[in-house]
Amino acid sequence: MTVSAAELEELPEHLQRLVANAGQLPLWHRHGQASDSARRSAVLILFGEGPAGPDVLLIEKSAHLRSHAGQPAFPGGGADPGDDYPVGTALRETHEEAGVDPAGVRVLATLPALFLGPSDNLVVPVLGWWDDPRDVTTGDPREVARVARVPLSELVDPANRFRVRHPAGYVGPAFGVADMVVWGFTAALLDAVLEAAGLHQPWDDGDVRPLAVPPVRPGDVPVEPVDSDVADRAAPTVAEDAGQSSSARTVPGR
């Protein structure tokens, strides 16, 4: 389902602000021009009203993936032939990974595409509202370890905010929520989305912690590791400072 302008006015104020400010997210200026070979991908940023208040859906990747195993992410992946890209791609992948019925999601807007050079993916984040939240389910256990509905109150709590330093030198925002450390592309996008929604609270960005990257043990990886096709599982390349605005597109009502 898609949402009309009138329906958008009936949704929580933070979502109205997010859609209105989507073109101002401080991410786009640090992403270069997409390559000719870039794979079209999409992720779904799915908001809902849960037992602990407004929340957003995250998945934790399986330890059996070939790259970035065990990393939290938004559900999503590469476009398949016949997909109504990017919305259809995001909804299909979220159904496969978290059991979310596409018919129960109202699409609010598509954000400007982000090019992730390390994985050669051109990613379109899709904003959605969960009309009838249900229990989430884990899809293929070779790809998804678990699914979590994370309250926005936990994400904006300064006690759960810090930055991480990857052994490769990357330093960026992170969230300690739902027994996960959310970092990289997902954390930077979450940080920008929360600010655009007017939910940002000051936090100590001088708190920089080393990112623990668990070693791969022989029993952790099957003979044929599973390739992750989810766009935001690429190496983090987003910036933390504000930059140029771009154009977001509100999805019109049918």
C-alpha atoms as a PDB file:
ATOM      1  CA  MET A   1       0.000   0.000   0.000  1.00  0.00           C
ATOM      2  CA  THR A   2       1.099   3.574  -0.530  1.00  0.00           C
ATOM      3  CA  VAL A   3       0.141   6.614   1.493  1.00  0.00           C
ATOM      4  CA  SER A   4      -1.523   9.786   0.306  1.00  0.00           C
ATOM      5  CA  ALA A   5      -0.734  13.276   1.575  1.00  0.00           C
ATOM      6  CA  ALA A   6      -3.927  13.216   3.637  1.00  0.00           C
ATOM      7  CA  GLU A   7      -3.032   9.855   5.186  1.00  0.00           C
ATOM      8  CA  LEU A   8       0.466  11.082   5.991  1.00  0.00           C
ATOM      9  CA  GLU A   9      -1.065  13.828   8.148  1.00  0.00           C
ATOM     10  CA  GLU A  10      -2.704  11.114  10.270  1.00  0.00           C
ATOM     11  CA  LEU A  11       0.613   9.405  11.052  1.00  0.00           C
ATOM     12  CA  PRO A  12       2.904  10.282  13.995  1.00  0.00           C
ATOM     13  CA  GLU A  13       4.494  13.716  13.811  1.00  0.00           C
ATOM     14  CA  HIS A  14       8.020  12.306  13.721  1.00  0.00           C
ATOM     15  CA  LEU A  15       7.209  10.501  10.469  1.00  0.00           C
ATOM     16  CA  GLN A  16       5.708  13.645   8.959  1.00  0.00           C
ATOM     17  CA  ARG A  17       8.885  15.539   9.848  1.00  0.00           C
ATOM     18  CA  LEU A  18      11.047  12.752   8.457  1.00  0.00           C
ATOM     19  CA  VAL A  19       9.303  12.775   5.092  1.00  0.00           C
ATOM     20  CA  ALA A  20       9.445  16.572   4.960  1.00  0.00           C
ATOM     21  CA  ASN A  21      13.176  16.595   5.771  1.00  0.00           C
ATOM     22  CA  ALA A  22      14.207  13.492   3.845  1.00  0.00           C
ATOM     23  CA  GLY A  23      16.090  15.480   1.227  1.00  0.00           C
ATOM     24  CA  GLN A  24      18.225  17.102   3.924  1.00  0.00           C
ATOM     25  CA  LEU A  25      19.804  13.960   5.355  1.00  0.00           C
ATOM     26  CA  PRO A  26      23.520  14.542   6.038  1.00  0.00           C
ATOM     27  CA  LEU A  27      24.755  11.546   4.075  1.00  0.00           C
ATOM     28  CA  TRP A  28      24.481  12.001   0.364  1.00  0.00           C
ATOM     29  CA  HIS A  29      27.379  14.360  -0.352  1.00  0.00           C
ATOM     30  CA  ARG A  30      30.085  11.834   0.595  1.00  0.00           C
ATOM     31  CA  HIS A  31      28.867   9.180  -1.818  1.00  0.00           C
ATOM     32  CA  GLY A  32      30.369   9.339  -5.265  1.00  0.00           C
ATOM     33  CA  GLN A  33      28.802   8.726  -8.625  1.00  0.00           C
ATOM     34  CA  ALA A  34      27.536   5.184  -9.036  1.00  0.00           C
ATOM     35  CA  SER A  35      29.595   2.924 -11.267  1.00  0.00           C
ATOM     36  CA  ASP A  36      28.178   1.498 -14.481  1.00  0.00           C
ATOM     37  CA  SER A  37      28.220  -1.946 -12.875  1.00  0.00           C
ATOM     38  CA  ALA A  38      26.470  -0.924  -9.623  1.00  0.00           C
ATOM     39  CA  ARG A  39      23.778  -3.337  -8.529  1.00  0.00           C
ATOM     40  CA  ARG A  40      20.397  -1.783  -7.780  1.00  0.00           C
ATOM     41  CA  SER A  41      19.439  -2.462  -4.173  1.00  0.00           C
ATOM     42  CA  ALA A  42      16.923  -1.259  -1.612  1.00  0.00           C
ATOM     43  CA  VAL A  43      16.415  -1.388   2.138  1.00  0.00           C
ATOM     44  CA  LEU A  44      13.238  -0.842   4.140  1.00  0.00           C
ATOM     45  CA  ILE A  45      13.213   1.467   7.157  1.00  0.00           C
ATOM     46  CA  LEU A  46      10.002   0.186   8.703  1.00  0.00           C
ATOM     47  CA  PHE A  47       8.410   2.137  11.547  1.00  0.00           C
ATOM     48  CA  GLY A  48       5.546   0.905  13.688  1.00  0.00           C
ATOM     49  CA  GLU A  49       3.866   1.211  17.062  1.00  0.00           C
ATOM     50  CA  GLY A  50       5.038  -1.541  19.384  1.00  0.00           C
ATOM     51  CA  PRO A  51       4.489  -2.552  23.018  1.00  0.00           C
ATOM     52  CA  ALA A  52       7.237  -0.110  24.077  1.00  0.00           C
ATOM     53  CA  GLY A  53       6.067   2.712  21.809  1.00  0.00           C
ATOM     54  CA  PRO A  54       7.250   3.717  18.329  1.00  0.00           C
ATOM     55  CA  ASP A  55       9.874   1.368  16.940  1.00  0.00           C
ATOM     56  CA  VAL A  56      11.866   0.411  13.861  1.00  0.00           C
ATOM     57  CA  LEU A  57      12.679  -3.002  12.420  1.00  0.00           C
ATOM     58  CA  LEU A  58      16.236  -4.339  12.297  1.00  0.00           C
ATOM     59  CA  ILE A  59      17.689  -7.728  11.445  1.00  0.00           C
ATOM     60  CA  GLU A  60      20.887  -9.377  12.595  1.00  0.00           C
ATOM     61  CA  LYS A  61      22.755 -11.187   9.874  1.00  0.00           C
ATOM     62  CA  SER A  62      23.717 -14.802  10.195  1.00  0.00           C
ATOM     63  CA  ALA A  63      27.223 -15.808  11.204  1.00  0.00           C
ATOM     64  CA  HIS A  64      27.302 -17.949   8.047  1.00  0.00           C
ATOM     65  CA  LEU A  65      27.448 -15.083   5.573  1.00  0.00           C
ATOM     66  CA  ARG A  66      30.571 -14.688   3.497  1.00  0.00           C
ATOM     67  CA  SER A  67      31.013 -11.032   4.505  1.00  0.00           C
ATOM     68  CA  HIS A  68      29.978  -8.880   7.494  1.00  0.00           C
ATOM     69  CA  ALA A  69      28.581 -11.860   9.353  1.00  0.00           C
ATOM     70  CA  GLY A  70      26.541 -11.082  12.452  1.00  0.00           C
ATOM     71  CA  GLN A  71      26.119  -7.401  11.641  1.00  0.00           C
ATOM     72  CA  PRO A  72      22.796  -5.620  12.341  1.00  0.00           C
ATOM     73  CA  ALA A  73      21.106  -4.147   9.281  1.00  0.00           C
ATOM     74  CA  PHE A  74      17.885  -2.947   7.749  1.00  0.00           C
ATOM     75  CA  PRO A  75      16.094  -5.683   5.800  1.00  0.00           C
ATOM     76  CA  GLY A  76      16.745  -5.374   2.098  1.00  0.00           C
ATOM     77  CA  GLY A  77      18.754  -6.601  -0.840  1.00  0.00           C
ATOM     78  CA  GLY A  78      19.391  -6.541  -4.533  1.00  0.00           C
ATOM     79  CA  ALA A  79      16.664  -6.108  -7.136  1.00  0.00           C
ATOM     80  CA  ASP A  80      15.320  -9.214  -8.826  1.00  0.00           C
ATOM     81  CA  PRO A  81      13.926  -9.304 -12.364  1.00  0.00           C
ATOM     82  CA  GLY A  82      10.300  -8.214 -12.278  1.00  0.00           C
ATOM     83  CA  ASP A  83      10.627  -6.225  -9.061  1.00  0.00           C
ATOM     84  CA  ASP A  84       8.855  -2.884  -8.853  1.00  0.00           C
ATOM     85  CA  TYR A  85      12.160  -1.300  -7.893  1.00  0.00           C
ATOM     86  CA  PRO A  86      12.920   0.103  -5.384  1.00  0.00           C
ATOM     87  CA  VAL A  87       9.700  -0.279  -3.371  1.00  0.00           C
ATOM     88  CA  GLY A  88       8.935  -3.804  -4.549  1.00  0.00           C
ATOM     89  CA  THR A  89      12.495  -4.907  -3.852  1.00  0.00           C
ATOM     90  CA  ALA A  90      12.460  -3.552  -0.295  1.00  0.00           C
ATOM     91  CA  LEU A  91       9.067  -5.115   0.481  1.00  0.00           C
ATOM     92  CA  ARG A  92       9.957  -8.497  -1.034  1.00  0.00           C
ATOM     93  CA  GLU A  93      13.234  -8.711   0.868  1.00  0.00           C
ATOM     94  CA  THR A  94      11.590  -7.689   4.158  1.00  0.00           C
ATOM     95  CA  HIS A  95       8.975 -10.387   3.701  1.00  0.00           C
ATOM     96  CA  GLU A  96      11.662 -12.986   3.008  1.00  0.00           C
ATOM     97  CA  GLU A  97      13.922 -11.931   5.873  1.00  0.00           C
ATOM     98  CA  ALA A  98      11.456 -10.923   8.595  1.00  0.00           C
ATOM     99  CA  GLY A  99       8.067 -12.327   7.591  1.00  0.00           C
ATOM    100  CA  VAL A 100       6.489  -8.892   7.130  1.00  0.00           C
ATOM    101  CA  ASP A 101       3.424  -8.990   4.865  1.00  0.00           C
ATOM    102  CA  PRO A 102       3.884  -6.326   2.151  1.00  0.00           C
ATOM    103  CA  ALA A 103       0.132  -5.679   2.193  1.00  0.00           C
ATOM    104  CA  GLY A 104       0.456  -4.363   5.748  1.00  0.00           C
ATOM    105  CA  VAL A 105       3.114  -1.760   4.908  1.00  0.00           C
ATOM    106  CA  ARG A 106       2.320   1.779   3.831  1.00  0.00           C
ATOM    107  CA  VAL A 107       5.195   3.230   1.839  1.00  0.00           C
ATOM    108  CA  LEU A 108       5.837   6.838   2.799  1.00  0.00           C
ATOM    109  CA  ALA A 109       8.768   7.883   0.623  1.00  0.00           C
ATOM    110  CA  THR A 110      11.920   6.777  -1.112  1.00  0.00           C
ATOM    111  CA  LEU A 111      15.116   8.521  -0.043  1.00  0.00           C
ATOM    112  CA  PRO A 112      17.919   9.584  -2.390  1.00  0.00           C
ATOM    113  CA  ALA A 113      20.043   6.670  -3.592  1.00  0.00           C
ATOM    114  CA  LEU A 114      23.393   6.001  -1.907  1.00  0.00           C
ATOM    115  CA  PHE A 115      26.308   4.441  -3.761  1.00  0.00           C
ATOM    116  CA  LEU A 116      28.330   2.003  -1.651  1.00  0.00           C
ATOM    117  CA  GLY A 117      31.592   1.620  -3.499  1.00  0.00           C
ATOM    118  CA  PRO A 118      33.054  -1.325  -1.559  1.00  0.00           C
ATOM    119  CA  SER A 119      30.113  -3.539  -2.508  1.00  0.00           C
ATOM    120  CA  ASP A 120      29.284  -1.746  -5.779  1.00  0.00           C
ATOM    121  CA  ASN A 121      25.648  -1.290  -4.700  1.00  0.00           C
ATOM    122  CA  LEU A 122      23.355   1.634  -5.417  1.00  0.00           C
ATOM    123  CA  VAL A 123      21.011   1.605  -2.423  1.00  0.00           C
ATOM    124  CA  VAL A 124      17.606   3.277  -2.194  1.00  0.00           C
ATOM    125  CA  PRO A 125      16.276   3.495   1.394  1.00  0.00           C
ATOM    126  CA  VAL A 126      12.485   3.150   1.483  1.00  0.00           C
ATOM    127  CA  LEU A 127      10.492   4.595   4.384  1.00  0.00           C
ATOM    128  CA  GLY A 128       7.507   2.563   5.535  1.00  0.00           C
ATOM    129  CA  TRP A 129       4.815   2.507   8.216  1.00  0.00           C
ATOM    130  CA  TRP A 130       3.552  -0.804   9.579  1.00  0.00           C
ATOM    131  CA  ASP A 131      -0.239  -0.563   9.686  1.00  0.00           C
ATOM    132  CA  ASP A 132      -0.830  -3.832  11.511  1.00  0.00           C
ATOM    133  CA  PRO A 133       2.367  -4.905  13.298  1.00  0.00           C
ATOM    134  CA  ARG A 134       2.615  -8.642  13.825  1.00  0.00           C
ATOM    135  CA  ASP A 135       5.147 -10.955  15.370  1.00  0.00           C
ATOM    136  CA  VAL A 136       8.280 -10.989  13.266  1.00  0.00           C
ATOM    137  CA  THR A 137       9.833 -14.220  12.075  1.00  0.00           C
ATOM    138  CA  THR A 138      13.344 -15.089  11.005  1.00  0.00           C
ATOM    139  CA  GLY A 139      13.714 -16.084   7.372  1.00  0.00           C
ATOM    140  CA  ASP A 140      16.470 -18.321   6.037  1.00  0.00           C
ATOM    141  CA  PRO A 141      18.680 -18.960   9.109  1.00  0.00           C
ATOM    142  CA  ARG A 142      21.695 -19.072   6.802  1.00  0.00           C
ATOM    143  CA  GLU A 143      21.094 -15.379   6.131  1.00  0.00           C
ATOM    144  CA  VAL A 144      19.236 -13.945   9.148  1.00  0.00           C
ATOM    145  CA  ALA A 145      20.024 -14.824  12.767  1.00  0.00           C
ATOM    146  CA  ARG A 146      17.213 -12.811  14.331  1.00  0.00           C
ATOM    147  CA  VAL A 147      14.777  -9.937  13.857  1.00  0.00           C
ATOM    148  CA  ALA A 148      14.218  -7.131  16.375  1.00  0.00           C
ATOM    149  CA  ARG A 149      11.713  -4.318  16.731  1.00  0.00           C
ATOM    150  CA  VAL A 150      13.826  -1.661  18.421  1.00  0.00           C
ATOM    151  CA  PRO A 151      12.001   1.146  20.296  1.00  0.00           C
ATOM    152  CA  LEU A 152      12.936   4.608  19.082  1.00  0.00           C
ATOM    153  CA  SER A 153      13.253   5.653  22.741  1.00  0.00           C
ATOM    154  CA  GLU A 154      16.195   3.274  23.083  1.00  0.00           C
ATOM    155  CA  LEU A 155      17.826   4.510  19.889  1.00  0.00           C
ATOM    156  CA  VAL A 156      17.701   8.164  20.936  1.00  0.00           C
ATOM    157  CA  ASP A 157      18.738   7.530  24.545  1.00  0.00           C
ATOM    158  CA  PRO A 158      22.179   9.158  24.957  1.00  0.00           C
ATOM    159  CA  ALA A 159      23.210   6.246  27.188  1.00  0.00           C
ATOM    160  CA  ASN A 160      22.976   3.967  24.128  1.00  0.00           C
ATOM    161  CA  ARG A 161      24.952   6.229  21.799  1.00  0.00           C
ATOM    162  CA  PHE A 162      28.696   6.179  21.120  1.00  0.00           C
ATOM    163  CA  ARG A 163      31.122   5.861  18.235  1.00  0.00           C
ATOM    164  CA  VAL A 164      33.128   2.818  17.208  1.00  0.00           C
ATOM    165  CA  ARG A 165      36.569   2.462  15.699  1.00  0.00           C
ATOM    166  CA  HIS A 166      36.982  -0.420  13.267  1.00  0.00           C
ATOM    167  CA  PRO A 167      40.395  -2.124  13.106  1.00  0.00           C
ATOM    168  CA  ALA A 168      40.618  -0.876   9.513  1.00  0.00           C
ATOM    169  CA  GLY A 169      40.474   2.726  10.764  1.00  0.00           C
ATOM    170  CA  TYR A 170      36.819   3.632  10.208  1.00  0.00           C
ATOM    171  CA  VAL A 171      35.234   5.688  13.002  1.00  0.00           C
ATOM    172  CA  GLY A 172      31.491   6.259  12.986  1.00  0.00           C
ATOM    173  CA  PRO A 173      28.287   6.405  15.028  1.00  0.00           C
ATOM    174  CA  ALA A 174      26.909   3.366  16.797  1.00  0.00           C
ATOM    175  CA  PHE A 175      23.962   2.268  18.924  1.00  0.00           C
ATOM    176  CA  GLY A 176      24.007  -0.279  21.719  1.00  0.00           C
ATOM    177  CA  VAL A 177      20.449  -1.637  21.579  1.00  0.00           C
ATOM    178  CA  ALA A 178      18.637  -4.991  21.651  1.00  0.00           C
ATOM    179  CA  ASP A 179      21.856  -6.785  22.618  1.00  0.00           C
ATOM    180  CA  MET A 180      23.437  -5.565  19.391  1.00  0.00           C
ATOM    181  CA  VAL A 181      26.022  -2.997  18.393  1.00  0.00           C
ATOM    182  CA  VAL A 182      24.549  -1.261  15.360  1.00  0.00           C
ATOM    183  CA  TRP A 183      27.286   0.446  13.331  1.00  0.00           C
ATOM    184  CA  GLY A 184      28.428   1.209   9.789  1.00  0.00           C
ATOM    185  CA  PHE A 185      25.943   2.085   7.066  1.00  0.00           C
ATOM    186  CA  THR A 186      22.945   1.134   9.187  1.00  0.00           C
ATOM    187  CA  ALA A 187      23.969   3.248  12.187  1.00  0.00           C
ATOM    188  CA  ALA A 188      24.827   6.285  10.081  1.00  0.00           C
ATOM    189  CA  LEU A 189      21.509   6.066   8.245  1.00  0.00           C
ATOM    190  CA  LEU A 190      19.639   5.619  11.538  1.00  0.00           C
ATOM    191  CA  ASP A 191      21.448   8.624  13.001  1.00  0.00           C
ATOM    192  CA  ALA A 192      20.469  10.796  10.043  1.00  0.00           C
ATOM    193  CA  VAL A 193      16.875   9.547  10.005  1.00  0.00           C
ATOM    194  CA  LEU A 194      16.371  10.195  13.714  1.00  0.00           C
ATOM    195  CA  GLU A 195      17.720  13.723  13.328  1.00  0.00           C
ATOM    196  CA  ALA A 196      15.478  14.417  10.327  1.00  0.00           C
ATOM    197  CA  ALA A 197      12.507  13.114  12.332  1.00  0.00           C
ATOM    198  CA  GLY A 198      13.222  15.618  15.106  1.00  0.00           C
ATOM    199  CA  LEU A 199      14.056  12.893  17.624  1.00  0.00           C
ATOM    200  CA  HIS A 200      17.762  13.577  18.062  1.00  0.00           C
ATOM    201  CA  GLN A 201      19.095  14.040  21.585  1.00  0.00           C
ATOM    202  CA  PRO A 202      22.604  15.309  22.363  1.00  0.00           C
ATOM    203  CA  TRP A 203      25.054  12.485  23.101  1.00  0.00           C
ATOM    204  CA  ASP A 204      28.761  12.155  23.822  1.00  0.00           C
ATOM    205  CA  ASP A 205      30.385  11.743  20.407  1.00  0.00           C
ATOM    206  CA  GLY A 206      33.753  11.763  22.172  1.00  0.00           C
ATOM    207  CA  ASP A 207      32.977   8.282  23.506  1.00  0.00           C
ATOM    208  CA  VAL A 208      34.865   6.178  20.935  1.00  0.00           C
ATOM    209  CA  ARG A 209      35.060   2.440  21.553  1.00  0.00           C
ATOM    210  CA  PRO A 210      37.006  -0.220  19.667  1.00  0.00           C
ATOM    211  CA  LEU A 211      34.751  -2.373  17.537  1.00  0.00           C
ATOM    212  CA  ALA A 212      35.103  -5.999  18.471  1.00  0.00           C
ATOM    213  CA  VAL A 213      35.303  -8.032  15.284  1.00  0.00           C
ATOM    214  CA  PRO A 214      34.940 -11.687  16.295  1.00  0.00           C
ATOM    215  CA  PRO A 215      37.406 -14.081  14.704  1.00  0.00           C
ATOM    216  CA  VAL A 216      36.014 -16.675  12.324  1.00  0.00           C
ATOM    217  CA  ARG A 217      36.202 -20.129  13.837  1.00  0.00           C
ATOM    218  CA  PRO A 218      36.255 -23.205  11.577  1.00  0.00           C
ATOM    219  CA  GLY A 219      32.855 -24.359  12.801  1.00  0.00           C
ATOM    220  CA  ASP A 220      31.210 -20.987  12.200  1.00  0.00           C
ATOM    221  CA  VAL A 221      31.264 -21.083   8.410  1.00  0.00           C
ATOM    222  CA  PRO A 222      29.764 -23.807   6.244  1.00  0.00           C
ATOM    223  CA  VAL A 223      31.665 -25.350   3.360  1.00  0.00           C
ATOM    224  CA  GLU A 224      29.913 -22.953   0.986  1.00  0.00           C
ATOM    225  CA  PRO A 225      29.477 -19.601   2.769  1.00  0.00           C
ATOM    226  CA  VAL A 226      26.288 -17.724   1.923  1.00  0.00           C
ATOM    227  CA  ASP A 227      26.793 -14.558  -0.104  1.00  0.00           C
ATOM    228  CA  SER A 228      24.945 -11.580   1.355  1.00  0.00           C
ATOM    229  CA  ASP A 229      23.110  -9.576  -1.287  1.00  0.00           C
ATOM    230  CA  VAL A 230      21.740  -7.027   1.172  1.00  0.00           C
ATOM    231  CA  ALA A 231      22.924  -3.598   0.197  1.00  0.00           C
ATOM    232  CA  ASP A 232      23.626  -2.173   3.607  1.00  0.00           C
ATOM    233  CA  ARG A 233      25.952  -5.008   4.476  1.00  0.00           C
ATOM    234  CA  ALA A 234      28.680  -3.268   2.586  1.00  0.00           C
ATOM    235  CA  ALA A 235      31.632  -1.651   4.306  1.00  0.00           C
ATOM    236  CA  PRO A 236      30.607   1.649   5.908  1.00  0.00           C
ATOM    237  CA  THR A 237      31.259   4.666   3.706  1.00  0.00           C
ATOM    238  CA  VAL A 238      28.908   7.297   5.097  1.00  0.00           C
ATOM    239  CA  ALA A 239      29.918  10.609   6.630  1.00  0.00           C
ATOM    240  CA  GLU A 240      28.886  12.039   9.961  1.00  0.00           C
ATOM    241  CA  ASP A 241      28.873  15.735   9.132  1.00  0.00           C
ATOM    242  CA  ALA A 242      26.048  17.668   7.503  1.00  0.00           C
ATOM    243  CA  GLY A 243      26.256  18.191   3.777  1.00  0.00           C
ATOM    244  CA  GLN A 244      24.423  18.944   0.605  1.00  0.00           C
ATOM    245  CA  SER A 245      20.755  18.248   0.308  1.00  0.00           C
ATOM    246  CA  SER A 246      19.340  15.967  -2.305  1.00  0.00           C
ATOM    247  CA  SER A 247      15.871  15.092  -3.476  1.00  0.00           C
ATOM    248  CA  ALA A 248      13.586  12.658  -1.746  1.00  0.00           C
ATOM    249  CA  ARG A 249      10.427  11.450  -3.405  1.00  0.00           C
ATOM    250  CA  THR A 250       7.142  11.075  -1.571  1.00  0.00           C
ATOM    251  CA  VAL A 251       5.266   8.076  -2.879  1.00  0.00           C
ATOM    252  CA  PRO A 252       1.863   9.240  -4.134  1.00  0.00           C
ATOM    253  CA  GLY A 253      -1.326   7.569  -3.055  1.00  0.00           C
ATOM    254  CA  ARG A 254      -3.105   5.302  -5.465  1.00  0.00           C
END
